[in-house]
Amino acid sequence: MQPAPESEDAPDGVLAAYRKSIDNIDAAIIHMLAERFRITQAVGEYKAKVTLPPADPAREQRQISRLRKLSEEADLDPEFSEKFLRFIIDEVIRHHEKARKG
């Protein structure tokens, strides 16, 4: 007779431990993104107050280059990192445009 699986999600202890680590990392990512967006919201409000444009293409390019390099050093696909950062930047710009109107 085989032992019963620990759960439907994790059929064994090793997989359960990996999944717990992944869940913890995902939670940390969400909290870091929330903090990042709190700060960029303040930046957007400041830019609206002093009439700066919502986007800064030169800074965006510097950030993308910097994070691509960090990705390579961390053995993470730089294409993935750039897409992820571009998604975040686009969302930040959308928030900045909203702050400017509102």
N, C-alpha and C. Protein backbone atom coordinates (compact mmCIF):
# COMPACT_ATOMS: atom_id res chain seq x y z
N MET A 1 0.85 -1.19 0.00
CA MET A 1 0.00 0.00 0.00
C MET A 1 0.89 1.25 0.00
N GLN A 2 0.57 2.18 -0.91
CA GLN A 2 1.36 3.41 -1.00
C GLN A 2 0.84 4.46 -0.03
N PRO A 3 1.75 5.31 0.50
CA PRO A 3 1.28 6.38 1.40
C PRO A 3 0.40 7.36 0.63
N ALA A 4 -0.56 7.92 1.31
CA ALA A 4 -1.45 8.91 0.69
C ALA A 4 -0.67 10.19 0.42
N PRO A 5 -0.96 10.85 -0.70
CA PRO A 5 -0.30 12.13 -0.96
C PRO A 5 -0.64 13.15 0.13
N GLU A 6 0.30 14.07 0.35
CA GLU A 6 0.10 15.06 1.41
C GLU A 6 -1.05 16.01 1.09
N SER A 7 -1.22 16.33 -0.17
CA SER A 7 -2.33 17.19 -0.59
C SER A 7 -2.48 17.06 -2.10
N GLU A 8 -3.57 17.58 -2.61
CA GLU A 8 -3.76 17.57 -4.06
C GLU A 8 -2.73 18.46 -4.74
N ASP A 9 -2.35 19.56 -4.08
CA ASP A 9 -1.38 20.51 -4.66
C ASP A 9 0.04 19.97 -4.64
N ALA A 10 0.41 19.28 -3.59
CA ALA A 10 1.79 18.81 -3.44
C ALA A 10 1.79 17.34 -3.04
N PRO A 11 2.06 16.46 -4.00
CA PRO A 11 1.99 15.04 -3.71
C PRO A 11 3.10 14.53 -2.79
N ASP A 12 4.12 15.33 -2.53
CA ASP A 12 5.16 14.88 -1.60
C ASP A 12 5.76 16.09 -0.88
N GLY A 13 6.53 15.79 0.16
CA GLY A 13 7.11 16.85 0.99
C GLY A 13 8.10 17.74 0.27
N VAL A 14 8.86 17.16 -0.65
CA VAL A 14 9.85 17.96 -1.38
C VAL A 14 9.14 19.00 -2.25
N LEU A 15 8.13 18.55 -2.98
CA LEU A 15 7.38 19.48 -3.83
C LEU A 15 6.66 20.52 -2.98
N ALA A 16 6.11 20.09 -1.87
CA ALA A 16 5.42 21.02 -0.96
C ALA A 16 6.39 22.11 -0.48
N ALA A 17 7.62 21.74 -0.15
CA ALA A 17 8.61 22.72 0.31
C ALA A 17 8.97 23.70 -0.80
N TYR A 18 9.15 23.19 -2.02
CA TYR A 18 9.43 24.08 -3.15
C TYR A 18 8.27 25.06 -3.35
N ARG A 19 7.07 24.53 -3.32
CA ARG A 19 5.90 25.39 -3.54
C ARG A 19 5.73 26.43 -2.44
N LYS A 20 6.07 26.06 -1.21
CA LYS A 20 6.00 27.03 -0.11
C LYS A 20 6.99 28.16 -0.35
N SER A 21 8.19 27.82 -0.81
CA SER A 21 9.19 28.85 -1.12
C SER A 21 8.71 29.75 -2.25
N ILE A 22 8.14 29.15 -3.28
CA ILE A 22 7.60 29.94 -4.40
C ILE A 22 6.51 30.88 -3.90
N ASP A 23 5.61 30.37 -3.06
CA ASP A 23 4.53 31.21 -2.52
C ASP A 23 5.10 32.38 -1.72
N ASN A 24 6.14 32.13 -0.93
CA ASN A 24 6.78 33.20 -0.16
C ASN A 24 7.41 34.25 -1.07
N ILE A 25 8.08 33.79 -2.11
CA ILE A 25 8.70 34.72 -3.07
C ILE A 25 7.63 35.55 -3.77
N ASP A 26 6.54 34.89 -4.20
CA ASP A 26 5.45 35.61 -4.85
C ASP A 26 4.88 36.70 -3.94
N ALA A 27 4.71 36.38 -2.66
CA ALA A 27 4.20 37.36 -1.71
C ALA A 27 5.17 38.54 -1.58
N ALA A 28 6.47 38.25 -1.53
CA ALA A 28 7.47 39.32 -1.45
C ALA A 28 7.43 40.19 -2.69
N ILE A 29 7.29 39.58 -3.86
CA ILE A 29 7.22 40.35 -5.11
C ILE A 29 6.02 41.30 -5.08
N ILE A 30 4.87 40.81 -4.64
CA ILE A 30 3.67 41.65 -4.57
C ILE A 30 3.89 42.82 -3.63
N HIS A 31 4.49 42.56 -2.47
CA HIS A 31 4.73 43.65 -1.51
C HIS A 31 5.74 44.66 -2.07
N MET A 32 6.75 44.18 -2.76
CA MET A 32 7.74 45.10 -3.35
C MET A 32 7.10 45.93 -4.47
N LEU A 33 6.26 45.30 -5.28
CA LEU A 33 5.58 46.05 -6.34
C LEU A 33 4.65 47.11 -5.73
N ALA A 34 3.95 46.74 -4.67
CA ALA A 34 3.06 47.71 -4.01
C ALA A 34 3.86 48.91 -3.50
N GLU A 35 5.01 48.65 -2.89
CA GLU A 35 5.85 49.75 -2.40
C GLU A 35 6.38 50.58 -3.56
N ARG A 36 6.78 49.93 -4.64
CA ARG A 36 7.28 50.65 -5.81
C ARG A 36 6.20 51.58 -6.37
N PHE A 37 4.97 51.07 -6.44
CA PHE A 37 3.89 51.89 -6.98
C PHE A 37 3.49 53.01 -6.03
N ARG A 38 3.63 52.81 -4.71
CA ARG A 38 3.39 53.92 -3.78
C ARG A 38 4.38 55.05 -4.06
N ILE A 39 5.63 54.70 -4.29
CA ILE A 39 6.65 55.71 -4.54
C ILE A 39 6.43 56.37 -5.90
N THR A 40 6.15 55.57 -6.93
CA THR A 40 5.95 56.18 -8.25
C THR A 40 4.68 57.02 -8.29
N GLN A 41 3.71 56.70 -7.44
CA GLN A 41 2.52 57.55 -7.35
C GLN A 41 2.91 58.92 -6.82
N ALA A 42 3.77 58.95 -5.82
CA ALA A 42 4.24 60.23 -5.28
C ALA A 42 5.03 60.99 -6.35
N VAL A 43 5.83 60.28 -7.14
CA VAL A 43 6.56 60.91 -8.24
C VAL A 43 5.58 61.52 -9.23
N GLY A 44 4.53 60.78 -9.57
CA GLY A 44 3.53 61.28 -10.51
C GLY A 44 2.84 62.53 -10.00
N GLU A 45 2.50 62.54 -8.72
CA GLU A 45 1.87 63.72 -8.13
C GLU A 45 2.82 64.91 -8.16
N TYR A 46 4.10 64.65 -7.86
CA TYR A 46 5.10 65.71 -7.90
C TYR A 46 5.26 66.25 -9.32
N LYS A 47 5.37 65.34 -10.29
CA LYS A 47 5.51 65.76 -11.69
C LYS A 47 4.32 66.60 -12.13
N ALA A 48 3.12 66.22 -11.72
CA ALA A 48 1.93 66.99 -12.08
C ALA A 48 1.98 68.37 -11.44
N LYS A 49 2.42 68.44 -10.20
CA LYS A 49 2.50 69.70 -9.47
C LYS A 49 3.49 70.68 -10.10
N VAL A 50 4.64 70.16 -10.54
CA VAL A 50 5.67 71.03 -11.10
C VAL A 50 5.66 71.01 -12.64
N THR A 51 4.60 70.46 -13.20
CA THR A 51 4.38 70.38 -14.65
C THR A 51 5.53 69.74 -15.44
N LEU A 52 5.98 68.60 -14.95
CA LEU A 52 6.92 67.78 -15.71
C LEU A 52 6.13 66.75 -16.49
N PRO A 53 6.65 66.30 -17.62
CA PRO A 53 5.92 65.30 -18.41
C PRO A 53 5.82 63.96 -17.65
N PRO A 54 4.75 63.21 -17.89
CA PRO A 54 4.57 61.93 -17.20
C PRO A 54 5.67 60.92 -17.52
N ALA A 55 6.19 60.95 -18.73
CA ALA A 55 7.20 59.98 -19.15
C ALA A 55 8.57 60.65 -19.25
N ASP A 56 9.60 59.85 -19.02
CA ASP A 56 10.98 60.30 -19.15
C ASP A 56 11.72 59.22 -19.95
N PRO A 57 11.62 59.27 -21.29
CA PRO A 57 12.19 58.21 -22.13
C PRO A 57 13.68 57.95 -21.89
N ALA A 58 14.44 58.99 -21.61
CA ALA A 58 15.88 58.79 -21.38
C ALA A 58 16.11 57.98 -20.11
N ARG A 59 15.39 58.31 -19.04
CA ARG A 59 15.52 57.53 -17.79
C ARG A 59 15.03 56.10 -18.00
N GLU A 60 13.93 55.95 -18.71
CA GLU A 60 13.40 54.60 -18.97
C GLU A 60 14.46 53.75 -19.67
N GLN A 61 15.13 54.32 -20.66
CA GLN A 61 16.14 53.56 -21.39
C GLN A 61 17.32 53.22 -20.50
N ARG A 62 17.72 54.16 -19.65
CA ARG A 62 18.82 53.88 -18.71
C ARG A 62 18.43 52.75 -17.74
N GLN A 63 17.20 52.79 -17.27
CA GLN A 63 16.72 51.76 -16.35
C GLN A 63 16.69 50.39 -17.04
N ILE A 64 16.19 50.36 -18.25
CA ILE A 64 16.12 49.10 -18.99
C ILE A 64 17.52 48.55 -19.19
N SER A 65 18.45 49.39 -19.60
CA SER A 65 19.83 48.94 -19.80
C SER A 65 20.44 48.43 -18.50
N ARG A 66 20.23 49.16 -17.43
CA ARG A 66 20.76 48.77 -16.12
C ARG A 66 20.18 47.43 -15.68
N LEU A 67 18.87 47.26 -15.83
CA LEU A 67 18.24 46.03 -15.37
C LEU A 67 18.53 44.84 -16.29
N ARG A 68 18.75 45.10 -17.58
CA ARG A 68 19.18 44.01 -18.47
C ARG A 68 20.55 43.50 -18.01
N LYS A 69 21.43 44.42 -17.66
CA LYS A 69 22.77 44.02 -17.18
C LYS A 69 22.65 43.23 -15.88
N LEU A 70 21.84 43.71 -14.95
CA LEU A 70 21.62 42.98 -13.70
C LEU A 70 21.04 41.59 -13.97
N SER A 71 20.15 41.51 -14.93
CA SER A 71 19.54 40.22 -15.28
C SER A 71 20.59 39.25 -15.78
N GLU A 72 21.45 39.73 -16.65
CA GLU A 72 22.52 38.87 -17.17
C GLU A 72 23.40 38.38 -16.03
N GLU A 73 23.75 39.28 -15.11
CA GLU A 73 24.59 38.90 -13.97
C GLU A 73 23.89 37.89 -13.07
N ALA A 74 22.56 37.96 -13.01
CA ALA A 74 21.78 37.06 -12.15
C ALA A 74 21.35 35.79 -12.90
N ASP A 75 21.80 35.65 -14.12
CA ASP A 75 21.44 34.50 -14.96
C ASP A 75 19.93 34.42 -15.19
N LEU A 76 19.34 35.58 -15.43
CA LEU A 76 17.92 35.70 -15.75
C LEU A 76 17.82 36.25 -17.16
N ASP A 77 16.89 35.74 -17.93
CA ASP A 77 16.73 36.16 -19.32
C ASP A 77 16.49 37.67 -19.39
N PRO A 78 17.41 38.44 -20.01
CA PRO A 78 17.24 39.89 -20.08
C PRO A 78 16.02 40.31 -20.89
N GLU A 79 15.62 39.49 -21.87
CA GLU A 79 14.40 39.80 -22.64
C GLU A 79 13.18 39.77 -21.73
N PHE A 80 13.10 38.75 -20.90
CA PHE A 80 12.00 38.66 -19.93
C PHE A 80 12.02 39.86 -19.01
N SER A 81 13.19 40.19 -18.48
CA SER A 81 13.32 41.32 -17.55
C SER A 81 12.88 42.62 -18.19
N GLU A 82 13.29 42.82 -19.45
CA GLU A 82 12.91 44.05 -20.14
C GLU A 82 11.39 44.11 -20.35
N LYS A 83 10.79 43.00 -20.73
CA LYS A 83 9.33 42.98 -20.92
C LYS A 83 8.62 43.27 -19.60
N PHE A 84 9.11 42.67 -18.53
CA PHE A 84 8.51 42.88 -17.22
C PHE A 84 8.64 44.35 -16.80
N LEU A 85 9.83 44.92 -16.97
CA LEU A 85 10.05 46.31 -16.61
C LEU A 85 9.22 47.23 -17.50
N ARG A 86 9.14 46.94 -18.78
CA ARG A 86 8.35 47.77 -19.70
C ARG A 86 6.89 47.78 -19.27
N PHE A 87 6.38 46.62 -18.86
CA PHE A 87 5.01 46.54 -18.37
C PHE A 87 4.82 47.46 -17.16
N ILE A 88 5.77 47.43 -16.23
CA ILE A 88 5.70 48.27 -15.03
C ILE A 88 5.79 49.75 -15.41
N ILE A 89 6.74 50.09 -16.27
CA ILE A 89 6.92 51.48 -16.69
C ILE A 89 5.65 52.01 -17.36
N ASP A 90 5.07 51.21 -18.24
CA ASP A 90 3.84 51.65 -18.91
C ASP A 90 2.71 51.90 -17.92
N GLU A 91 2.63 51.07 -16.90
CA GLU A 91 1.60 51.25 -15.87
C GLU A 91 1.89 52.51 -15.05
N VAL A 92 3.14 52.75 -14.73
CA VAL A 92 3.51 53.96 -13.99
C VAL A 92 3.17 55.21 -14.81
N ILE A 93 3.49 55.20 -16.08
CA ILE A 93 3.18 56.35 -16.95
C ILE A 93 1.68 56.59 -16.99
N ARG A 94 0.92 55.51 -17.08
CA ARG A 94 -0.54 55.63 -17.08
C ARG A 94 -1.01 56.31 -15.79
N HIS A 95 -0.43 55.92 -14.66
CA HIS A 95 -0.78 56.56 -13.39
C HIS A 95 -0.37 58.03 -13.37
N HIS A 96 0.80 58.33 -13.93
CA HIS A 96 1.27 59.71 -13.96
C HIS A 96 0.36 60.57 -14.83
N GLU A 97 -0.07 60.03 -15.95
CA GLU A 97 -1.00 60.77 -16.82
C GLU A 97 -2.32 61.03 -16.10
N LYS A 98 -2.77 60.05 -15.34
CA LYS A 98 -3.99 60.18 -14.58
C LYS A 98 -3.85 61.26 -13.50
N ALA A 99 -2.70 61.30 -12.83
CA ALA A 99 -2.43 62.31 -11.80
C ALA A 99 -2.41 63.70 -12.40
N ARG A 100 -1.91 63.79 -13.61
CA ARG A 100 -1.81 65.08 -14.30
C ARG A 100 -3.20 65.63 -14.61
N LYS A 101 -4.14 64.75 -14.94
CA LYS A 101 -5.49 65.16 -15.29
C LYS A 101 -6.33 65.45 -14.05
N GLY A 102 -5.94 64.80 -12.96
CA GLY A 102 -6.85 64.80 -11.91
C GLY A 102 -6.81 65.48 -10.67
